[in-house]
Amino acid sequence: MGYRCRTCGVWHHERPTCFGLDLPAAVAGLSEIEFRRRVERGSEQCVLDNKHFFILGNLDVPIRNSSEFIRWTVWSTLSEAHFMRSSELWNTTGRESEPPYFGWLSNQIPGYPSSINIKATVQTEPVGVRPTIRVIDEGHPLSVDQEHGITEERAEELIHLALHGHDR
């Protein structure tokens, strides 16, 4: 299935469905100097001021009547204890049996009302697989869409917003 971009009109043979955010919102706005002074960052984890702990995970929204989904690779907070626990289990086989950790979503998802600091769970997955993030902020449209899925039309709208950041 392909995708025609609503902005440039170009046909893409594969529809883009995965989008990533490089940094938690609390870190993204820092100057380069502040970033170097205050942030420790790996490819999957980030710590701000030695007291705010973030982990990268996949937040999926299924597309109804399809096996496809829109995936945002985004950041969630973790408590210090859960951050340390997830670090301790990073390369441990069976870590996916760990109960989900509570977190706060730490990025704005395009096409949704404010999604920064909404309640989420972070489920550890098998070694080599990013955690799964599930929004649990009852009534938030992102939570509803994760639970019930979205239409093809809504998927096209979200793809457009993720690629271009504006409506039409």
C-alpha atoms as a PDB file:
ATOM      1  CA  MET A   1       0.000   0.000   0.000  1.00  0.00           C
ATOM      2  CA  GLY A   2       1.409   3.368  -0.948  1.00  0.00           C
ATOM      3  CA  TYR A   3       0.982   6.902   0.223  1.00  0.00           C
ATOM      4  CA  ARG A   4       0.526  10.195  -1.656  1.00  0.00           C
ATOM      5  CA  CYS A   5       1.822  13.148   0.352  1.00  0.00           C
ATOM      6  CA  ARG A   6      -0.823  15.862   0.715  1.00  0.00           C
ATOM      7  CA  THR A   7       1.857  18.577   0.760  1.00  0.00           C
ATOM      8  CA  CYS A   8       4.207  17.674  -2.085  1.00  0.00           C
ATOM      9  CA  GLY A   9       1.928  15.316  -4.006  1.00  0.00           C
ATOM     10  CA  VAL A  10       4.684  12.706  -4.360  1.00  0.00           C
ATOM     11  CA  TRP A  11       3.652   9.036  -4.385  1.00  0.00           C
ATOM     12  CA  HIS A  12       5.658   6.851  -1.997  1.00  0.00           C
ATOM     13  CA  HIS A  13       5.520   3.097  -2.618  1.00  0.00           C
ATOM     14  CA  GLU A  14       5.538   2.398   1.084  1.00  0.00           C
ATOM     15  CA  ARG A  15       3.423   4.367   3.493  1.00  0.00           C
ATOM     16  CA  PRO A  16       5.553   5.782   6.316  1.00  0.00           C
ATOM     17  CA  THR A  17       4.112   4.597   9.607  1.00  0.00           C
ATOM     18  CA  CYS A  18       7.016   4.935  12.060  1.00  0.00           C
ATOM     19  CA  PHE A  19       8.116   8.259  13.496  1.00  0.00           C
ATOM     20  CA  GLY A  20      10.673   9.009  16.187  1.00  0.00           C
ATOM     21  CA  LEU A  21      11.353  11.875  18.534  1.00  0.00           C
ATOM     22  CA  ASP A  22      15.009  12.381  19.387  1.00  0.00           C
ATOM     23  CA  LEU A  23      14.716  13.770  22.904  1.00  0.00           C
ATOM     24  CA  PRO A  24      12.225  14.175  25.733  1.00  0.00           C
ATOM     25  CA  ALA A  25      10.503  17.580  25.544  1.00  0.00           C
ATOM     26  CA  ALA A  26      12.146  18.678  28.812  1.00  0.00           C
ATOM     27  CA  VAL A  27      15.567  18.176  27.216  1.00  0.00           C
ATOM     28  CA  ALA A  28      14.896  19.197  23.618  1.00  0.00           C
ATOM     29  CA  GLY A  29      14.683  22.909  24.414  1.00  0.00           C
ATOM     30  CA  LEU A  30      18.002  23.153  26.211  1.00  0.00           C
ATOM     31  CA  SER A  31      20.862  25.117  24.699  1.00  0.00           C
ATOM     32  CA  GLU A  32      23.895  23.102  23.635  1.00  0.00           C
ATOM     33  CA  ILE A  33      25.812  24.330  26.678  1.00  0.00           C
ATOM     34  CA  GLU A  34      22.980  23.444  29.073  1.00  0.00           C
ATOM     35  CA  PHE A  35      22.555  20.072  27.368  1.00  0.00           C
ATOM     36  CA  ARG A  36      26.237  19.180  27.849  1.00  0.00           C
ATOM     37  CA  ARG A  37      26.139  20.327  31.476  1.00  0.00           C
ATOM     38  CA  ARG A  38      22.830  18.774  32.561  1.00  0.00           C
ATOM     39  CA  VAL A  39      22.093  15.725  30.400  1.00  0.00           C
ATOM     40  CA  GLU A  40      23.420  12.188  30.267  1.00  0.00           C
ATOM     41  CA  ARG A  41      22.071  10.450  27.195  1.00  0.00           C
ATOM     42  CA  GLY A  42      22.425   7.063  25.600  1.00  0.00           C
ATOM     43  CA  SER A  43      20.514   5.805  22.597  1.00  0.00           C
ATOM     44  CA  GLU A  44      17.621   4.472  24.722  1.00  0.00           C
ATOM     45  CA  GLN A  45      17.883   6.323  28.039  1.00  0.00           C
ATOM     46  CA  CYS A  46      18.266   9.912  29.163  1.00  0.00           C
ATOM     47  CA  VAL A  47      18.839  11.580  32.543  1.00  0.00           C
ATOM     48  CA  LEU A  48      18.316  15.280  33.242  1.00  0.00           C
ATOM     49  CA  ASP A  49      20.011  16.878  36.266  1.00  0.00           C
ATOM     50  CA  ASN A  50      20.560  13.426  37.817  1.00  0.00           C
ATOM     51  CA  LYS A  51      16.914  13.433  38.939  1.00  0.00           C
ATOM     52  CA  HIS A  52      14.651  13.158  35.876  1.00  0.00           C
ATOM     53  CA  PHE A  53      14.815   9.740  34.218  1.00  0.00           C
ATOM     54  CA  PHE A  54      13.566   8.916  30.709  1.00  0.00           C
ATOM     55  CA  ILE A  55      13.368   5.777  28.599  1.00  0.00           C
ATOM     56  CA  LEU A  56      12.652   5.405  24.895  1.00  0.00           C
ATOM     57  CA  GLY A  57       9.749   3.207  23.881  1.00  0.00           C
ATOM     58  CA  ASN A  58       7.263   2.463  21.116  1.00  0.00           C
ATOM     59  CA  LEU A  59       3.746   3.838  21.273  1.00  0.00           C
ATOM     60  CA  ASP A  60       1.551   2.112  18.683  1.00  0.00           C
ATOM     61  CA  VAL A  61      -1.889   3.103  17.417  1.00  0.00           C
ATOM     62  CA  PRO A  62      -3.578   0.344  15.382  1.00  0.00           C
ATOM     63  CA  ILE A  63      -5.282   1.109  12.076  1.00  0.00           C
ATOM     64  CA  ARG A  64      -8.727  -0.506  12.067  1.00  0.00           C
ATOM     65  CA  ASN A  65      -9.422  -3.354   9.621  1.00  0.00           C
ATOM     66  CA  SER A  66      -5.693  -3.657   8.969  1.00  0.00           C
ATOM     67  CA  SER A  67      -2.591  -5.273  10.396  1.00  0.00           C
ATOM     68  CA  GLU A  68      -0.862  -1.871  10.222  1.00  0.00           C
ATOM     69  CA  PHE A  69      -0.309   0.644  12.969  1.00  0.00           C
ATOM     70  CA  ILE A  70       1.206   4.084  13.375  1.00  0.00           C
ATOM     71  CA  ARG A  71       4.255   3.910  15.650  1.00  0.00           C
ATOM     72  CA  TRP A  72       5.800   6.763  17.549  1.00  0.00           C
ATOM     73  CA  THR A  73       9.145   6.061  19.181  1.00  0.00           C
ATOM     74  CA  VAL A  74       8.908   8.442  22.120  1.00  0.00           C
ATOM     75  CA  TRP A  75      10.185   9.092  25.607  1.00  0.00           C
ATOM     76  CA  SER A  76       8.510   8.401  28.926  1.00  0.00           C
ATOM     77  CA  THR A  77       9.624   9.282  32.411  1.00  0.00           C
ATOM     78  CA  LEU A  78      10.352   6.565  34.928  1.00  0.00           C
ATOM     79  CA  SER A  79      10.879   6.863  38.647  1.00  0.00           C
ATOM     80  CA  GLU A  80      14.503   6.563  39.669  1.00  0.00           C
ATOM     81  CA  ALA A  81      13.806   3.099  41.130  1.00  0.00           C
ATOM     82  CA  HIS A  82      12.154   1.854  37.909  1.00  0.00           C
ATOM     83  CA  PHE A  83      14.867   3.439  35.773  1.00  0.00           C
ATOM     84  CA  MET A  84      17.534   1.633  37.808  1.00  0.00           C
ATOM     85  CA  ARG A  85      15.546  -1.615  37.657  1.00  0.00           C
ATOM     86  CA  SER A  86      15.147  -1.388  33.871  1.00  0.00           C
ATOM     87  CA  SER A  87      18.878  -0.658  33.558  1.00  0.00           C
ATOM     88  CA  GLU A  88      19.694  -3.626  35.768  1.00  0.00           C
ATOM     89  CA  LEU A  89      17.564  -5.920  33.562  1.00  0.00           C
ATOM     90  CA  TRP A  90      18.707  -4.367  30.245  1.00  0.00           C
ATOM     91  CA  ASN A  91      20.414  -7.534  28.969  1.00  0.00           C
ATOM     92  CA  THR A  92      18.516 -10.076  31.067  1.00  0.00           C
ATOM     93  CA  THR A  93      16.568 -12.801  29.271  1.00  0.00           C
ATOM     94  CA  GLY A  94      12.993 -12.917  30.556  1.00  0.00           C
ATOM     95  CA  ARG A  95      12.891  -9.242  31.474  1.00  0.00           C
ATOM     96  CA  GLU A  96       9.554  -8.963  29.658  1.00  0.00           C
ATOM     97  CA  SER A  97       7.904 -10.683  32.646  1.00  0.00           C
ATOM     98  CA  GLU A  98       8.594  -7.539  34.689  1.00  0.00           C
ATOM     99  CA  PRO A  99       5.334  -5.725  35.557  1.00  0.00           C
ATOM    100  CA  PRO A 100       4.763  -2.461  33.665  1.00  0.00           C
ATOM    101  CA  TYR A 101       6.292   0.690  35.097  1.00  0.00           C
ATOM    102  CA  PHE A 102       4.299   3.892  35.522  1.00  0.00           C
ATOM    103  CA  GLY A 103       5.503   6.922  33.583  1.00  0.00           C
ATOM    104  CA  TRP A 104       4.537  10.242  32.098  1.00  0.00           C
ATOM    105  CA  LEU A 105       4.676  10.593  28.322  1.00  0.00           C
ATOM    106  CA  SER A 106       7.425  13.082  27.530  1.00  0.00           C
ATOM    107  CA  ASN A 107       6.752  14.122  23.924  1.00  0.00           C
ATOM    108  CA  GLN A 108       4.047  15.866  21.965  1.00  0.00           C
ATOM    109  CA  ILE A 109       2.465  13.441  19.492  1.00  0.00           C
ATOM    110  CA  PRO A 110       1.453  15.236  16.263  1.00  0.00           C
ATOM    111  CA  GLY A 111      -2.291  15.364  15.685  1.00  0.00           C
ATOM    112  CA  TYR A 112      -3.268  15.071  19.339  1.00  0.00           C
ATOM    113  CA  PRO A 113      -4.054  17.556  22.094  1.00  0.00           C
ATOM    114  CA  SER A 114      -1.284  18.056  24.618  1.00  0.00           C
ATOM    115  CA  SER A 115       0.338  14.693  25.218  1.00  0.00           C
ATOM    116  CA  ILE A 116       3.258  15.826  27.357  1.00  0.00           C
ATOM    117  CA  ASN A 117       2.905  14.579  30.927  1.00  0.00           C
ATOM    118  CA  ILE A 118      -0.072  12.320  30.348  1.00  0.00           C
ATOM    119  CA  LYS A 119      -0.158   9.032  32.272  1.00  0.00           C
ATOM    120  CA  ALA A 120       1.383   5.982  30.629  1.00  0.00           C
ATOM    121  CA  THR A 121       2.734   2.550  31.348  1.00  0.00           C
ATOM    122  CA  VAL A 122       6.068   1.286  30.097  1.00  0.00           C
ATOM    123  CA  GLN A 123       6.141  -2.467  29.463  1.00  0.00           C
ATOM    124  CA  THR A 124       9.576  -4.029  29.179  1.00  0.00           C
ATOM    125  CA  GLU A 125       9.929  -6.273  26.131  1.00  0.00           C
ATOM    126  CA  PRO A 126      12.421  -9.068  25.333  1.00  0.00           C
ATOM    127  CA  VAL A 127      16.105  -8.145  25.099  1.00  0.00           C
ATOM    128  CA  GLY A 128      16.717  -6.145  21.933  1.00  0.00           C
ATOM    129  CA  VAL A 129      13.131  -4.843  21.687  1.00  0.00           C
ATOM    130  CA  ARG A 130      12.150  -1.375  22.875  1.00  0.00           C
ATOM    131  CA  PRO A 131       9.577  -1.112  25.647  1.00  0.00           C
ATOM    132  CA  THR A 132       5.926  -0.635  24.733  1.00  0.00           C
ATOM    133  CA  ILE A 133       4.314   2.589  25.917  1.00  0.00           C
ATOM    134  CA  ARG A 134       0.588   2.590  26.575  1.00  0.00           C
ATOM    135  CA  VAL A 135      -1.305   5.790  27.382  1.00  0.00           C
ATOM    136  CA  ILE A 136      -3.559   5.296  30.410  1.00  0.00           C
ATOM    137  CA  ASP A 137      -4.782   8.867  30.786  1.00  0.00           C
ATOM    138  CA  GLU A 138      -8.492   8.015  30.644  1.00  0.00           C
ATOM    139  CA  GLY A 139     -10.396   9.930  28.005  1.00  0.00           C
ATOM    140  CA  HIS A 140      -7.324  11.346  26.253  1.00  0.00           C
ATOM    141  CA  PRO A 141      -7.783  10.828  22.485  1.00  0.00           C
ATOM    142  CA  LEU A 142      -4.430   9.021  22.282  1.00  0.00           C
ATOM    143  CA  SER A 143      -5.578   6.510  24.885  1.00  0.00           C
ATOM    144  CA  VAL A 144      -8.875   6.031  23.043  1.00  0.00           C
ATOM    145  CA  ASP A 145      -7.079   5.550  19.712  1.00  0.00           C
ATOM    146  CA  GLN A 146      -4.641   3.016  21.183  1.00  0.00           C
ATOM    147  CA  GLU A 147      -7.578   1.068  22.582  1.00  0.00           C
ATOM    148  CA  HIS A 148      -9.982   1.232  19.616  1.00  0.00           C
ATOM    149  CA  GLY A 149      -7.760   1.969  16.626  1.00  0.00           C
ATOM    150  CA  ILE A 150      -8.071   4.676  13.991  1.00  0.00           C
ATOM    151  CA  THR A 151      -9.542   4.846  10.501  1.00  0.00           C
ATOM    152  CA  GLU A 152      -7.451   4.875   7.324  1.00  0.00           C
ATOM    153  CA  GLU A 153      -8.382   8.542   6.899  1.00  0.00           C
ATOM    154  CA  ARG A 154      -7.140   9.384  10.392  1.00  0.00           C
ATOM    155  CA  ALA A 155      -3.938   7.427   9.718  1.00  0.00           C
ATOM    156  CA  GLU A 156      -3.341   9.520   6.567  1.00  0.00           C
ATOM    157  CA  GLU A 157      -3.924  12.701   8.580  1.00  0.00           C
ATOM    158  CA  LEU A 158      -1.479  11.626  11.304  1.00  0.00           C
ATOM    159  CA  ILE A 159       1.162  10.637   8.740  1.00  0.00           C
ATOM    160  CA  HIS A 160       0.833  14.039   7.073  1.00  0.00           C
ATOM    161  CA  LEU A 161       1.154  15.847  10.403  1.00  0.00           C
ATOM    162  CA  ALA A 162       4.148  13.734  11.444  1.00  0.00           C
ATOM    163  CA  LEU A 163       5.927  14.430   8.142  1.00  0.00           C
ATOM    164  CA  HIS A 164       5.049  18.096   7.715  1.00  0.00           C
ATOM    165  CA  GLY A 165       3.881  19.378  11.095  1.00  0.00           C
ATOM    166  CA  HIS A 166       0.889  21.301   9.831  1.00  0.00           C
ATOM    167  CA  ASP A 167      -2.552  20.793   8.370  1.00  0.00           C
ATOM    168  CA  ARG A 168      -2.659  20.639   4.549  1.00  0.00           C
END
